[in-house]
Amino acid sequence: MRIKIKPLSVNAAWKGKRYRSDDYKKYAKILGFMLPKLKIPKGKIRVDFIFGFSSKGSDWDNPVKPLQDILAKKYSFNDNRIYQATVKKVIVKKGEEFIDFKIIKYEG
């Protein structure tokens, strides 16, 4: 189904300046140390995410943008190079939450 309307960006959805929380800053710092060294393909890329949540009430899309921004900073790429992404939500036991991701060349 196609709806002819310009998509609304996250930036356009909010008024004024948004500030990163202390939780975000801590999360970004910890992830920065945990993320492995990777070689990011040149040109257009695809990112696949799997989020392991312990709560069925967690929204699948909430962690995408913060993680995407952290990955872009860590691996020195502009996230506007992402042309395709997949997101999968899985439920795990409390204490077993996780993030899986893969960054590959976009073949579209």
Protein backbone atom coordinates (compact mmCIF):
# COMPACT_ATOMS: atom_id res chain seq x y z
CA MET A 1 0.00 0.00 0.00
CA ARG A 2 1.35 3.44 -0.88
CA ILE A 3 0.19 6.65 0.80
CA LYS A 4 1.27 9.81 -0.98
CA ILE A 5 2.60 11.97 1.86
CA LYS A 6 6.09 13.11 2.78
CA PRO A 7 7.39 11.00 5.71
CA LEU A 8 7.79 12.93 8.97
CA SER A 9 11.29 12.80 10.43
CA VAL A 10 11.97 12.34 14.13
CA ASN A 11 13.54 15.82 14.15
CA ALA A 12 10.40 17.38 12.70
CA ALA A 13 8.18 15.56 15.21
CA TRP A 14 9.54 17.51 18.19
CA LYS A 15 9.60 21.21 19.04
CA GLY A 16 12.81 22.77 20.20
CA LYS A 17 16.07 21.20 21.23
CA ARG A 18 16.14 17.67 22.58
CA TYR A 19 18.79 16.80 25.11
CA ARG A 20 20.40 13.42 25.66
CA SER A 21 19.63 11.94 29.05
CA ASP A 22 22.27 10.79 31.49
CA ASP A 23 21.09 7.22 30.77
CA TYR A 24 21.77 7.72 27.04
CA LYS A 25 25.24 9.14 27.70
CA LYS A 26 26.10 6.20 29.99
CA TYR A 27 24.69 3.69 27.46
CA ALA A 28 26.67 5.27 24.60
CA LYS A 29 29.89 5.20 26.61
CA ILE A 30 29.46 1.54 27.64
CA LEU A 31 28.52 0.48 24.11
CA GLY A 32 31.48 2.40 22.74
CA PHE A 33 33.79 0.12 24.72
CA MET A 34 31.83 -3.06 23.95
CA LEU A 35 31.48 -2.65 20.19
CA PRO A 36 34.03 -4.63 18.17
CA LYS A 37 36.24 -3.18 15.45
CA LEU A 38 34.41 -3.37 12.13
CA LYS A 39 35.07 -2.37 8.56
CA ILE A 40 31.98 -0.65 7.21
CA PRO A 41 31.31 -1.14 3.48
CA LYS A 42 31.58 1.92 1.27
CA GLY A 43 28.45 3.41 -0.27
CA LYS A 44 24.93 2.35 0.61
CA ILE A 45 24.53 -0.02 3.54
CA ARG A 46 21.97 -2.29 5.16
CA VAL A 47 21.66 -2.77 8.92
CA ASP A 48 19.98 -5.74 10.57
CA PHE A 49 19.04 -5.48 14.24
CA ILE A 50 17.80 -8.10 16.69
CA PHE A 51 16.78 -6.84 20.12
CA GLY A 52 16.33 -9.28 22.98
CA PHE A 53 13.82 -7.78 25.41
CA SER A 54 12.67 -9.23 28.72
CA SER A 55 9.35 -7.37 28.47
CA LYS A 56 6.69 -8.18 25.89
CA GLY A 57 5.58 -4.56 26.24
CA SER A 58 8.81 -3.20 24.76
CA ASP A 59 8.34 -1.50 21.40
CA TRP A 60 10.53 -2.97 18.66
CA ASP A 61 11.45 0.45 17.25
CA ASN A 62 12.43 2.37 20.41
CA PRO A 63 16.07 1.24 20.56
CA VAL A 64 16.74 1.65 16.82
CA LYS A 65 17.63 5.36 16.58
CA PRO A 66 19.85 5.58 19.69
CA LEU A 67 21.78 2.46 18.64
CA GLN A 68 21.97 3.60 15.03
CA ASP A 69 23.43 6.95 16.11
CA ILE A 70 25.96 5.26 18.39
CA LEU A 71 27.02 2.86 15.62
CA ALA A 72 27.40 5.74 13.16
CA LYS A 73 29.60 7.64 15.59
CA LYS A 74 31.70 4.60 16.57
CA TYR A 75 32.28 3.46 13.00
CA SER A 76 32.49 6.95 11.44
CA PHE A 77 29.67 6.75 8.91
CA ASN A 78 26.69 8.99 8.23
CA ASP A 79 23.49 7.10 8.98
CA ASN A 80 21.91 8.58 5.85
CA ARG A 81 23.89 5.84 4.04
CA ILE A 82 21.49 3.25 5.45
CA TYR A 83 19.11 2.30 2.65
CA GLN A 84 17.59 -0.77 4.24
CA ALA A 85 17.18 -2.08 7.77
CA THR A 86 15.45 -4.99 9.41
CA VAL A 87 14.43 -5.15 13.04
CA LYS A 88 13.46 -8.24 14.98
CA LYS A 89 12.16 -8.38 18.55
CA VAL A 90 12.64 -11.51 20.64
CA ILE A 91 11.59 -12.11 24.24
CA VAL A 92 14.20 -13.43 26.66
CA LYS A 93 14.42 -13.98 30.40
CA LYS A 94 15.15 -10.95 32.58
CA GLY A 95 18.90 -10.45 32.76
CA GLU A 96 19.46 -12.04 29.32
CA GLU A 97 18.64 -8.95 27.22
CA PHE A 98 20.88 -8.41 24.18
CA ILE A 99 21.52 -6.54 20.95
CA ASP A 100 22.64 -8.23 17.73
CA PHE A 101 23.44 -6.20 14.65
CA LYS A 102 24.97 -6.62 11.23
CA ILE A 103 26.12 -3.90 8.82
CA ILE A 104 26.53 -5.00 5.23
CA LYS A 105 26.61 -3.57 1.72
CA TYR A 106 23.17 -2.64 0.42
CA GLU A 107 22.30 -4.68 -2.67
CA GLY A 108 19.10 -2.91 -3.69
